[in-house]
Amino acid sequence: MDHKDFEGIYNEYKKQSEDQARIKADEAAVNSAQEQLVAVRKNDDGDIIAFKTASGRELDYLTALDEAKAGKLAHVDVFHKYGREIIRSEPDGIKENNLDNLDSF
């Protein structure tokens, strides 16, 4: 009977997908005029209330929402939930760039 390392094969598959996502994200950042979000500020409830860009700009939530809708911010989407618009990370398979995982400022 053939004994395969299914877990190892799956982990290698996931790693390749993550590597490809990183390369694609890096290429998009270089070729884009969009600003990258690098840090977030959260309130006492853990809700994101502000964002910091790679250029050092600090954006309140509403300003960031407007810029995201205008396509000025890289790797974020705007969607409707709880009866309002919400900013979220693009589902690109890179955990480190998820908004909740960014540094605080």
PDB file of N, CA and C in Angstrom:
ATOM      1  N   MET A   1       0.836  -1.181   0.000  1.00  0.00           N
ATOM      2  CA  MET A   1       0.000   0.000   0.000  1.00  0.00           C
ATOM      3  C   MET A   1       0.884   1.250   0.000  1.00  0.00           C
ATOM      4  N   ASP A   2       0.533   2.216  -0.808  1.00  0.00           N
ATOM      5  CA  ASP A   2       1.294   3.451  -0.949  1.00  0.00           C
ATOM      6  C   ASP A   2       0.944   4.406   0.187  1.00  0.00           C
ATOM      7  N   HIS A   3       1.958   4.848   0.951  1.00  0.00           N
ATOM      8  CA  HIS A   3       1.747   5.785   2.052  1.00  0.00           C
ATOM      9  C   HIS A   3       2.229   7.168   1.612  1.00  0.00           C
ATOM     10  N   LYS A   4       1.282   8.056   1.409  1.00  0.00           N
ATOM     11  CA  LYS A   4       1.622   9.405   0.986  1.00  0.00           C
ATOM     12  C   LYS A   4       1.530  10.347   2.172  1.00  0.00           C
ATOM     13  N   ASP A   5       2.332  11.364   2.109  1.00  0.00           N
ATOM     14  CA  ASP A   5       2.306  12.410   3.125  1.00  0.00           C
ATOM     15  C   ASP A   5       1.296  13.473   2.680  1.00  0.00           C
ATOM     16  N   PHE A   6       0.006  13.169   2.865  1.00  0.00           N
ATOM     17  CA  PHE A   6      -1.047  14.076   2.413  1.00  0.00           C
ATOM     18  C   PHE A   6      -0.927  15.447   3.061  1.00  0.00           C
ATOM     19  N   GLU A   7      -0.630  15.472   4.336  1.00  0.00           N
ATOM     20  CA  GLU A   7      -0.492  16.739   5.064  1.00  0.00           C
ATOM     21  C   GLU A   7       0.665  17.551   4.488  1.00  0.00           C
ATOM     22  N   GLY A   8       1.794  16.906   4.256  1.00  0.00           N
ATOM     23  CA  GLY A   8       2.957  17.594   3.698  1.00  0.00           C
ATOM     24  C   GLY A   8       2.700  18.109   2.288  1.00  0.00           C
ATOM     25  N   ILE A   9       2.030  17.307   1.483  1.00  0.00           N
ATOM     26  CA  ILE A   9       1.705  17.725   0.119  1.00  0.00           C
ATOM     27  C   ILE A   9       0.777  18.935   0.144  1.00  0.00           C
ATOM     28  N   TYR A  10      -0.230  18.894   1.015  1.00  0.00           N
ATOM     29  CA  TYR A  10      -1.170  20.010   1.124  1.00  0.00           C
ATOM     30  C   TYR A  10      -0.457  21.271   1.619  1.00  0.00           C
ATOM     31  N   ASN A  11       0.420  21.125   2.600  1.00  0.00           N
ATOM     32  CA  ASN A  11       1.156  22.281   3.114  1.00  0.00           C
ATOM     33  C   ASN A  11       2.053  22.896   2.035  1.00  0.00           C
ATOM     34  N   GLU A  12       2.666  22.077   1.211  1.00  0.00           N
ATOM     35  CA  GLU A  12       3.482  22.591   0.105  1.00  0.00           C
ATOM     36  C   GLU A  12       2.606  23.335  -0.902  1.00  0.00           C
ATOM     37  N   TYR A  13       1.437  22.797  -1.182  1.00  0.00           N
ATOM     38  CA  TYR A  13       0.477  23.453  -2.069  1.00  0.00           C
ATOM     39  C   TYR A  13       0.089  24.824  -1.517  1.00  0.00           C
ATOM     40  N   LYS A  14      -0.218  24.897  -0.206  1.00  0.00           N
ATOM     41  CA  LYS A  14      -0.579  26.170   0.417  1.00  0.00           C
ATOM     42  C   LYS A  14       0.583  27.156   0.359  1.00  0.00           C
ATOM     43  N   LYS A  15       1.801  26.676   0.605  1.00  0.00           N
ATOM     44  CA  LYS A  15       2.971  27.545   0.576  1.00  0.00           C
ATOM     45  C   LYS A  15       3.182  28.119  -0.820  1.00  0.00           C
ATOM     46  N   GLN A  16       3.030  27.296  -1.840  1.00  0.00           N
ATOM     47  CA  GLN A  16       3.177  27.780  -3.210  1.00  0.00           C
ATOM     48  C   GLN A  16       2.129  28.844  -3.519  1.00  0.00           C
ATOM     49  N   SER A  17       0.895  28.625  -3.066  1.00  0.00           N
ATOM     50  CA  SER A  17      -0.172  29.605  -3.288  1.00  0.00           C
ATOM     51  C   SER A  17       0.138  30.916  -2.590  1.00  0.00           C
ATOM     52  N   GLU A  18       0.617  30.835  -1.354  1.00  0.00           N
ATOM     53  CA  GLU A  18       0.973  32.053  -0.603  1.00  0.00           C
ATOM     54  C   GLU A  18       2.131  32.780  -1.270  1.00  0.00           C
ATOM     55  N   ASP A  19       3.132  32.031  -1.752  1.00  0.00           N
ATOM     56  CA  ASP A  19       4.269  32.648  -2.435  1.00  0.00           C
ATOM     57  C   ASP A  19       3.805  33.362  -3.702  1.00  0.00           C
ATOM     58  N   GLN A  20       2.923  32.732  -4.469  1.00  0.00           N
ATOM     59  CA  GLN A  20       2.404  33.348  -5.683  1.00  0.00           C
ATOM     60  C   GLN A  20       1.601  34.605  -5.351  1.00  0.00           C
ATOM     61  N   ALA A  21       0.812  34.563  -4.290  1.00  0.00           N
ATOM     62  CA  ALA A  21       0.021  35.723  -3.879  1.00  0.00           C
ATOM     63  C   ALA A  21       0.930  36.879  -3.479  1.00  0.00           C
ATOM     64  N   ARG A  22       2.025  36.571  -2.758  1.00  0.00           N
ATOM     65  CA  ARG A  22       2.976  37.619  -2.359  1.00  0.00           C
ATOM     66  C   ARG A  22       3.630  38.266  -3.586  1.00  0.00           C
ATOM     67  N   ILE A  23       4.043  37.447  -4.535  1.00  0.00           N
ATOM     68  CA  ILE A  23       4.684  37.966  -5.745  1.00  0.00           C
ATOM     69  C   ILE A  23       3.706  38.865  -6.496  1.00  0.00           C
ATOM     70  N   LYS A  24       2.480  38.400  -6.642  1.00  0.00           N
ATOM     71  CA  LYS A  24       1.465  39.182  -7.345  1.00  0.00           C
ATOM     72  C   LYS A  24       1.182  40.489  -6.613  1.00  0.00           C
ATOM     73  N   ALA A  25       1.084  40.435  -5.291  1.00  0.00           N
ATOM     74  CA  ALA A  25       0.827  41.645  -4.499  1.00  0.00           C
ATOM     75  C   ALA A  25       1.990  42.622  -4.607  1.00  0.00           C
ATOM     76  N   ASP A  26       3.221  42.113  -4.564  1.00  0.00           N
ATOM     77  CA  ASP A  26       4.403  42.970  -4.688  1.00  0.00           C
ATOM     78  C   ASP A  26       4.455  43.636  -6.062  1.00  0.00           C
ATOM     79  N   GLU A  27       4.157  42.868  -7.110  1.00  0.00           N
ATOM     80  CA  GLU A  27       4.150  43.426  -8.460  1.00  0.00           C
ATOM     81  C   GLU A  27       3.076  44.492  -8.600  1.00  0.00           C
ATOM     82  N   ALA A  28       1.912  44.239  -8.043  1.00  0.00           N
ATOM     83  CA  ALA A  28       0.811  45.207  -8.117  1.00  0.00           C
ATOM     84  C   ALA A  28       1.175  46.487  -7.383  1.00  0.00           C
ATOM     85  N   ALA A  29       1.844  46.366  -6.245  1.00  0.00           N
ATOM     86  CA  ALA A  29       2.236  47.543  -5.473  1.00  0.00           C
ATOM     87  C   ALA A  29       3.247  48.386  -6.237  1.00  0.00           C
ATOM     88  N   VAL A  30       4.180  47.748  -6.917  1.00  0.00           N
ATOM     89  CA  VAL A  30       5.199  48.469  -7.676  1.00  0.00           C
ATOM     90  C   VAL A  30       4.567  49.168  -8.884  1.00  0.00           C
ATOM     91  N   ASN A  31       3.605  48.522  -9.515  1.00  0.00           N
ATOM     92  CA  ASN A  31       3.011  49.042 -10.741  1.00  0.00           C
ATOM     93  C   ASN A  31       1.779  49.901 -10.489  1.00  0.00           C
ATOM     94  N   SER A  32       1.512  50.238  -9.256  1.00  0.00           N
ATOM     95  CA  SER A  32       0.275  50.931  -8.935  1.00  0.00           C
ATOM     96  C   SER A  32       0.542  52.274  -8.287  1.00  0.00           C
ATOM     97  N   ALA A  33      -0.358  53.201  -8.548  1.00  0.00           N
ATOM     98  CA  ALA A  33      -0.290  54.498  -7.882  1.00  0.00           C
ATOM     99  C   ALA A  33      -1.082  54.464  -6.578  1.00  0.00           C
ATOM    100  N   GLN A  34      -1.666  53.330  -6.259  1.00  0.00           N
ATOM    101  CA  GLN A  34      -2.436  53.203  -5.035  1.00  0.00           C
ATOM    102  C   GLN A  34      -1.519  53.188  -3.824  1.00  0.00           C
ATOM    103  N   GLU A  35      -2.029  53.746  -2.730  1.00  0.00           N
ATOM    104  CA  GLU A  35      -1.264  53.740  -1.486  1.00  0.00           C
ATOM    105  C   GLU A  35      -1.515  52.454  -0.720  1.00  0.00           C
ATOM    106  N   GLN A  36      -0.476  52.008  -0.063  1.00  0.00           N
ATOM    107  CA  GLN A  36      -0.526  50.796   0.747  1.00  0.00           C
ATOM    108  C   GLN A  36      -0.851  51.164   2.190  1.00  0.00           C
ATOM    109  N   LEU A  37      -1.758  50.439   2.823  1.00  0.00           N
ATOM    110  CA  LEU A  37      -2.020  50.616   4.250  1.00  0.00           C
ATOM    111  C   LEU A  37      -0.995  49.802   5.016  1.00  0.00           C
ATOM    112  N   VAL A  38      -0.359  50.426   6.025  1.00  0.00           N
ATOM    113  CA  VAL A  38       0.702  49.745   6.752  1.00  0.00           C
ATOM    114  C   VAL A  38       0.416  49.597   8.239  1.00  0.00           C
ATOM    115  N   ALA A  39      -0.570  50.336   8.759  1.00  0.00           N
ATOM    116  CA  ALA A  39      -0.877  50.261  10.188  1.00  0.00           C
ATOM    117  C   ALA A  39      -2.330  50.682  10.415  1.00  0.00           C
ATOM    118  N   VAL A  40      -2.855  50.268  11.543  1.00  0.00           N
ATOM    119  CA  VAL A  40      -4.233  50.615  11.910  1.00  0.00           C
ATOM    120  C   VAL A  40      -4.274  51.098  13.361  1.00  0.00           C
ATOM    121  N   ARG A  41      -5.311  51.852  13.668  1.00  0.00           N
ATOM    122  CA  ARG A  41      -5.583  52.241  15.052  1.00  0.00           C
ATOM    123  C   ARG A  41      -6.936  51.639  15.407  1.00  0.00           C
ATOM    124  N   LYS A  42      -6.986  51.017  16.582  1.00  0.00           N
ATOM    125  CA  LYS A  42      -8.217  50.379  17.042  1.00  0.00           C
ATOM    126  C   LYS A  42      -8.719  51.065  18.302  1.00  0.00           C
ATOM    127  N   ASN A  43     -10.036  51.001  18.499  1.00  0.00           N
ATOM    128  CA  ASN A  43     -10.604  51.526  19.743  1.00  0.00           C
ATOM    129  C   ASN A  43     -10.555  50.442  20.814  1.00  0.00           C
ATOM    130  N   ASP A  44     -11.098  50.729  21.983  1.00  0.00           N
ATOM    131  CA  ASP A  44     -11.050  49.777  23.104  1.00  0.00           C
ATOM    132  C   ASP A  44     -11.816  48.486  22.829  1.00  0.00           C
ATOM    133  N   ASP A  45     -12.751  48.526  21.867  1.00  0.00           N
ATOM    134  CA  ASP A  45     -13.506  47.329  21.505  1.00  0.00           C
ATOM    135  C   ASP A  45     -12.802  46.495  20.443  1.00  0.00           C
ATOM    136  N   GLY A  46     -11.645  46.981  19.957  1.00  0.00           N
ATOM    137  CA  GLY A  46     -10.908  46.258  18.923  1.00  0.00           C
ATOM    138  C   GLY A  46     -11.344  46.595  17.511  1.00  0.00           C
ATOM    139  N   ASP A  47     -12.210  47.607  17.362  1.00  0.00           N
ATOM    140  CA  ASP A  47     -12.647  48.033  16.038  1.00  0.00           C
ATOM    141  C   ASP A  47     -11.599  48.952  15.418  1.00  0.00           C
ATOM    142  N   ILE A  48     -11.345  48.784  14.136  1.00  0.00           N
ATOM    143  CA  ILE A  48     -10.413  49.669  13.436  1.00  0.00           C
ATOM    144  C   ILE A  48     -11.091  51.021  13.246  1.00  0.00           C
ATOM    145  N   ILE A  49     -10.409  52.083  13.677  1.00  0.00           N
ATOM    146  CA  ILE A  49     -10.985  53.425  13.578  1.00  0.00           C
ATOM    147  C   ILE A  49     -10.146  54.366  12.711  1.00  0.00           C
ATOM    148  N   ALA A  50      -8.925  53.962  12.343  1.00  0.00           N
ATOM    149  CA  ALA A  50      -8.071  54.801  11.508  1.00  0.00           C
ATOM    150  C   ALA A  50      -6.999  53.942  10.847  1.00  0.00           C
ATOM    151  N   PHE A  51      -6.397  54.503   9.814  1.00  0.00           N
ATOM    152  CA  PHE A  51      -5.393  53.794   9.028  1.00  0.00           C
ATOM    153  C   PHE A  51      -4.188  54.689   8.792  1.00  0.00           C
ATOM    154  N   LYS A  52      -3.013  54.071   8.637  1.00  0.00           N
ATOM    155  CA  LYS A  52      -1.796  54.796   8.282  1.00  0.00           C
ATOM    156  C   LYS A  52      -1.293  54.215   6.970  1.00  0.00           C
ATOM    157  N   THR A  53      -0.901  55.099   6.038  1.00  0.00           N
ATOM    158  CA  THR A  53      -0.405  54.653   4.742  1.00  0.00           C
ATOM    159  C   THR A  53       1.119  54.583   4.753  1.00  0.00           C
ATOM    160  N   ALA A  54       1.656  53.962   3.732  1.00  0.00           N
ATOM    161  CA  ALA A  54       3.107  53.840   3.605  1.00  0.00           C
ATOM    162  C   ALA A  54       3.781  55.202   3.498  1.00  0.00           C
ATOM    163  N   SER A  55       3.053  56.207   3.015  1.00  0.00           N
ATOM    164  CA  SER A  55       3.636  57.546   2.906  1.00  0.00           C
ATOM    165  C   SER A  55       3.534  58.322   4.221  1.00  0.00           C
ATOM    166  N   GLY A  56       2.897  57.705   5.239  1.00  0.00           N
ATOM    167  CA  GLY A  56       2.791  58.341   6.551  1.00  0.00           C
ATOM    168  C   GLY A  56       1.490  59.084   6.800  1.00  0.00           C
ATOM    169  N   ARG A  57       0.606  59.100   5.810  1.00  0.00           N
ATOM    170  CA  ARG A  57      -0.682  59.763   6.021  1.00  0.00           C
ATOM    171  C   ARG A  57      -1.520  58.958   7.000  1.00  0.00           C
ATOM    172  N   GLU A  58      -2.220  59.646   7.881  1.00  0.00           N
ATOM    173  CA  GLU A  58      -3.134  59.016   8.825  1.00  0.00           C
ATOM    174  C   GLU A  58      -4.552  59.369   8.392  1.00  0.00           C
ATOM    175  N   LEU A  59      -5.350  58.329   8.134  1.00  0.00           N
ATOM    176  CA  LEU A  59      -6.698  58.508   7.609  1.00  0.00           C
ATOM    177  C   LEU A  59      -7.728  58.055   8.630  1.00  0.00           C
ATOM    178  N   ASP A  60      -8.714  58.919   8.907  1.00  0.00           N
ATOM    179  CA  ASP A  60      -9.831  58.459   9.727  1.00  0.00           C
ATOM    180  C   ASP A  60     -10.629  57.459   8.885  1.00  0.00           C
ATOM    181  N   TYR A  61     -11.544  56.752   9.512  1.00  0.00           N
ATOM    182  CA  TYR A  61     -12.261  55.677   8.829  1.00  0.00           C
ATOM    183  C   TYR A  61     -13.031  56.184   7.618  1.00  0.00           C
ATOM    184  N   LEU A  62     -13.738  57.299   7.756  1.00  0.00           N
ATOM    185  CA  LEU A  62     -14.555  57.804   6.651  1.00  0.00           C
ATOM    186  C   LEU A  62     -13.702  58.261   5.470  1.00  0.00           C
ATOM    187  N   THR A  63     -12.578  58.890   5.741  1.00  0.00           N
ATOM    188  CA  THR A  63     -11.678  59.306   4.658  1.00  0.00           C
ATOM    189  C   THR A  63     -11.116  58.078   3.954  1.00  0.00           C
ATOM    190  N   ALA A  64     -10.703  57.087   4.719  1.00  0.00           N
ATOM    191  CA  ALA A  64     -10.186  55.842   4.131  1.00  0.00           C
ATOM    192  C   ALA A  64     -11.267  55.151   3.308  1.00  0.00           C
ATOM    193  N   LEU A  65     -12.481  55.175   3.784  1.00  0.00           N
ATOM    194  CA  LEU A  65     -13.600  54.571   3.057  1.00  0.00           C
ATOM    195  C   LEU A  65     -13.791  55.261   1.710  1.00  0.00           C
ATOM    196  N   ASP A  66     -13.772  56.597   1.706  1.00  0.00           N
ATOM    197  CA  ASP A  66     -13.901  57.348   0.453  1.00  0.00           C
ATOM    198  C   ASP A  66     -12.753  57.035  -0.497  1.00  0.00           C
ATOM    199  N   GLU A  67     -11.531  56.980   0.026  1.00  0.00           N
ATOM    200  CA  GLU A  67     -10.372  56.696  -0.821  1.00  0.00           C
ATOM    201  C   GLU A  67     -10.398  55.263  -1.345  1.00  0.00           C
ATOM    202  N   ALA A  68     -10.849  54.340  -0.532  1.00  0.00           N
ATOM    203  CA  ALA A  68     -10.959  52.944  -0.978  1.00  0.00           C
ATOM    204  C   ALA A  68     -11.988  52.829  -2.101  1.00  0.00           C
ATOM    205  N   LYS A  69     -13.114  53.500  -1.952  1.00  0.00           N
ATOM    206  CA  LYS A  69     -14.153  53.464  -2.992  1.00  0.00           C
ATOM    207  C   LYS A  69     -13.662  54.114  -4.281  1.00  0.00           C
ATOM    208  N   ALA A  70     -12.786  55.096  -4.161  1.00  0.00           N
ATOM    209  CA  ALA A  70     -12.232  55.780  -5.334  1.00  0.00           C
ATOM    210  C   ALA A  70     -11.058  55.018  -5.947  1.00  0.00           C
ATOM    211  N   GLY A  71     -10.673  53.900  -5.340  1.00  0.00           N
ATOM    212  CA  GLY A  71      -9.582  53.086  -5.871  1.00  0.00           C
ATOM    213  C   GLY A  71      -8.199  53.615  -5.546  1.00  0.00           C
ATOM    214  N   LYS A  72      -8.082  54.457  -4.527  1.00  0.00           N
ATOM    215  CA  LYS A  72      -6.799  55.058  -4.179  1.00  0.00           C
ATOM    216  C   LYS A  72      -5.990  54.234  -3.187  1.00  0.00           C
ATOM    217  N   LEU A  73      -6.603  53.207  -2.573  1.00  0.00           N
ATOM    218  CA  LEU A  73      -5.912  52.372  -1.584  1.00  0.00           C
ATOM    219  C   LEU A  73      -5.756  50.956  -2.128  1.00  0.00           C
ATOM    220  N   ALA A  74      -4.556  50.429  -2.006  1.00  0.00           N
ATOM    221  CA  ALA A  74      -4.248  49.101  -2.538  1.00  0.00           C
ATOM    222  C   ALA A  74      -4.723  47.998  -1.594  1.00  0.00           C
ATOM    223  N   HIS A  75      -5.165  46.914  -2.186  1.00  0.00           N
ATOM    224  CA  HIS A  75      -5.462  45.659  -1.492  1.00  0.00           C
ATOM    225  C   HIS A  75      -6.579  45.758  -0.450  1.00  0.00           C
ATOM    226  N   VAL A  76      -7.547  46.635  -0.678  1.00  0.00           N
ATOM    227  CA  VAL A  76      -8.715  46.679   0.194  1.00  0.00           C
ATOM    228  C   VAL A  76      -9.974  46.689  -0.657  1.00  0.00           C
ATOM    229  N   ASP A  77     -11.047  46.197  -0.078  1.00  0.00           N
ATOM    230  CA  ASP A  77     -12.363  46.209  -0.702  1.00  0.00           C
ATOM    231  C   ASP A  77     -13.322  46.933   0.217  1.00  0.00           C
ATOM    232  N   VAL A  78     -14.390  47.447  -0.360  1.00  0.00           N
ATOM    233  CA  VAL A  78     -15.482  48.023   0.423  1.00  0.00           C
ATOM    234  C   VAL A  78     -16.695  47.139   0.187  1.00  0.00           C
ATOM    235  N   PHE A  79     -17.338  46.720   1.279  1.00  0.00           N
ATOM    236  CA  PHE A  79     -18.538  45.914   1.127  1.00  0.00           C
ATOM    237  C   PHE A  79     -19.568  46.363   2.145  1.00  0.00           C
ATOM    238  N   HIS A  80     -20.803  45.920   1.947  1.00  0.00           N
ATOM    239  CA  HIS A  80     -21.907  46.307   2.819  1.00  0.00           C
ATOM    240  C   HIS A  80     -22.175  45.208   3.839  1.00  0.00           C
ATOM    241  N   LYS A  81     -22.206  45.602   5.110  1.00  0.00           N
ATOM    242  CA  LYS A  81     -22.504  44.669   6.189  1.00  0.00           C
ATOM    243  C   LYS A  81     -23.071  45.472   7.349  1.00  0.00           C
ATOM    244  N   TYR A  82     -23.999  44.918   8.045  1.00  0.00           N
ATOM    245  CA  TYR A  82     -24.627  45.592   9.186  1.00  0.00           C
ATOM    246  C   TYR A  82     -25.290  46.903   8.765  1.00  0.00           C
ATOM    247  N   GLY A  83     -25.706  46.998   7.503  1.00  0.00           N
ATOM    248  CA  GLY A  83     -26.370  48.203   7.032  1.00  0.00           C
ATOM    249  C   GLY A  83     -25.447  49.369   6.758  1.00  0.00           C
ATOM    250  N   ARG A  84     -24.144  49.108   6.642  1.00  0.00           N
ATOM    251  CA  ARG A  84     -23.204  50.186   6.362  1.00  0.00           C
ATOM    252  C   ARG A  84     -22.060  49.650   5.508  1.00  0.00           C
ATOM    253  N   GLU A  85     -21.221  50.566   5.016  1.00  0.00           N
ATOM    254  CA  GLU A  85     -20.053  50.173   4.234  1.00  0.00           C
ATOM    255  C   GLU A  85     -18.883  49.905   5.164  1.00  0.00           C
ATOM    256  N   ILE A  86     -18.126  48.863   4.842  1.00  0.00           N
ATOM    257  CA  ILE A  86     -17.004  48.432   5.678  1.00  0.00           C
ATOM    258  C   ILE A  86     -15.795  48.204   4.789  1.00  0.00           C
ATOM    259  N   ILE A  87     -14.621  48.602   5.298  1.00  0.00           N
ATOM    260  CA  ILE A  87     -13.355  48.351   4.601  1.00  0.00           C
ATOM    261  C   ILE A  87     -12.811  47.005   5.076  1.00  0.00           C
ATOM    262  N   ARG A  88     -12.366  46.201   4.124  1.00  0.00           N
ATOM    263  CA  ARG A  88     -11.721  44.938   4.488  1.00  0.00           C
ATOM    264  C   ARG A  88     -10.559  44.675   3.542  1.00  0.00           C
ATOM    265  N   SER A  89      -9.673  43.824   3.958  1.00  0.00           N
ATOM    266  CA  SER A  89      -8.541  43.422   3.118  1.00  0.00           C
ATOM    267  C   SER A  89      -9.047  42.593   1.948  1.00  0.00           C
ATOM    268  N   GLU A  90      -8.369  42.704   0.819  1.00  0.00           N
ATOM    269  CA  GLU A  90      -8.675  41.818  -0.291  1.00  0.00           C
ATOM    270  C   GLU A  90      -8.338  40.397   0.129  1.00  0.00           C
ATOM    271  N   PRO A  91      -9.161  39.455  -0.216  1.00  0.00           N
ATOM    272  CA  PRO A  91      -8.838  38.060   0.119  1.00  0.00           C
ATOM    273  C   PRO A  91      -7.770  37.527  -0.836  1.00  0.00           C
ATOM    274  N   ASP A  92      -6.498  37.817  -0.508  1.00  0.00           N
ATOM    275  CA  ASP A  92      -5.396  37.448  -1.394  1.00  0.00           C
ATOM    276  C   ASP A  92      -4.567  36.288  -0.875  1.00  0.00           C
ATOM    277  N   GLY A  93      -4.950  35.729   0.269  1.00  0.00           N
ATOM    278  CA  GLY A  93      -4.223  34.584   0.805  1.00  0.00           C
ATOM    279  C   GLY A  93      -2.997  34.950   1.619  1.00  0.00           C
ATOM    280  N   ILE A  94      -2.758  36.241   1.841  1.00  0.00           N
ATOM    281  CA  ILE A  94      -1.600  36.671   2.633  1.00  0.00           C
ATOM    282  C   ILE A  94      -2.115  37.179   3.978  1.00  0.00           C
ATOM    283  N   LYS A  95      -1.891  36.405   5.017  1.00  0.00           N
ATOM    284  CA  LYS A  95      -2.411  36.760   6.339  1.00  0.00           C
ATOM    285  C   LYS A  95      -1.772  38.030   6.894  1.00  0.00           C
ATOM    286  N   GLU A  96      -0.502  38.242   6.582  1.00  0.00           N
ATOM    287  CA  GLU A  96       0.221  39.367   7.164  1.00  0.00           C
ATOM    288  C   GLU A  96      -0.323  40.723   6.745  1.00  0.00           C
ATOM    289  N   ASN A  97      -0.980  40.805   5.567  1.00  0.00           N
ATOM    290  CA  ASN A  97      -1.490  42.099   5.144  1.00  0.00           C
ATOM    291  C   ASN A  97      -2.976  42.279   5.449  1.00  0.00           C
ATOM    292  N   ASN A  98      -3.562  41.341   6.188  1.00  0.00           N
ATOM    293  CA  ASN A  98      -4.929  41.529   6.625  1.00  0.00           C
ATOM    294  C   ASN A  98      -4.965  42.711   7.595  1.00  0.00           C
ATOM    295  N   LEU A  99      -5.993  43.515   7.525  1.00  0.00           N
ATOM    296  CA  LEU A  99      -6.057  44.730   8.322  1.00  0.00           C
ATOM    297  C   LEU A  99      -5.869  44.434   9.801  1.00  0.00           C
ATOM    298  N   ASP A 100      -6.465  43.378  10.306  1.00  0.00           N
ATOM    299  CA  ASP A 100      -6.335  43.048  11.728  1.00  0.00           C
ATOM    300  C   ASP A 100      -4.908  42.672  12.116  1.00  0.00           C
ATOM    301  N   ASN A 101      -4.085  42.281  11.154  1.00  0.00           N
ATOM    302  CA  ASN A 101      -2.718  41.868  11.442  1.00  0.00           C
ATOM    303  C   ASN A 101      -1.684  42.967  11.219  1.00  0.00           C
ATOM    304  N   LEU A 102      -2.107  44.140  10.764  1.00  0.00           N
ATOM    305  CA  LEU A 102      -1.160  45.226  10.563  1.00  0.00           C
ATOM    306  C   LEU A 102      -0.715  45.789  11.899  1.00  0.00           C
ATOM    307  N   ASP A 103       0.438  46.464  11.893  1.00  0.00           N
ATOM    308  CA  ASP A 103       0.933  47.124  13.105  1.00  0.00           C
ATOM    309  C   ASP A 103      -0.048  48.187  13.573  1.00  0.00           C
ATOM    310  N   SER A 104       0.054  48.546  14.835  1.00  0.00           N
ATOM    311  CA  SER A 104      -0.761  49.621  15.386  1.00  0.00           C
ATOM    312  C   SER A 104       0.034  50.916  15.348  1.00  0.00           C
ATOM    313  N   PHE A 105      -0.679  52.034  15.313  1.00  0.00           N
ATOM    314  CA  PHE A 105      -0.019  53.343  15.409  1.00  0.00           C
ATOM    315  C   PHE A 105      -0.765  54.222  16.379  1.00  0.00           C
TER     316      PHE A 105
END
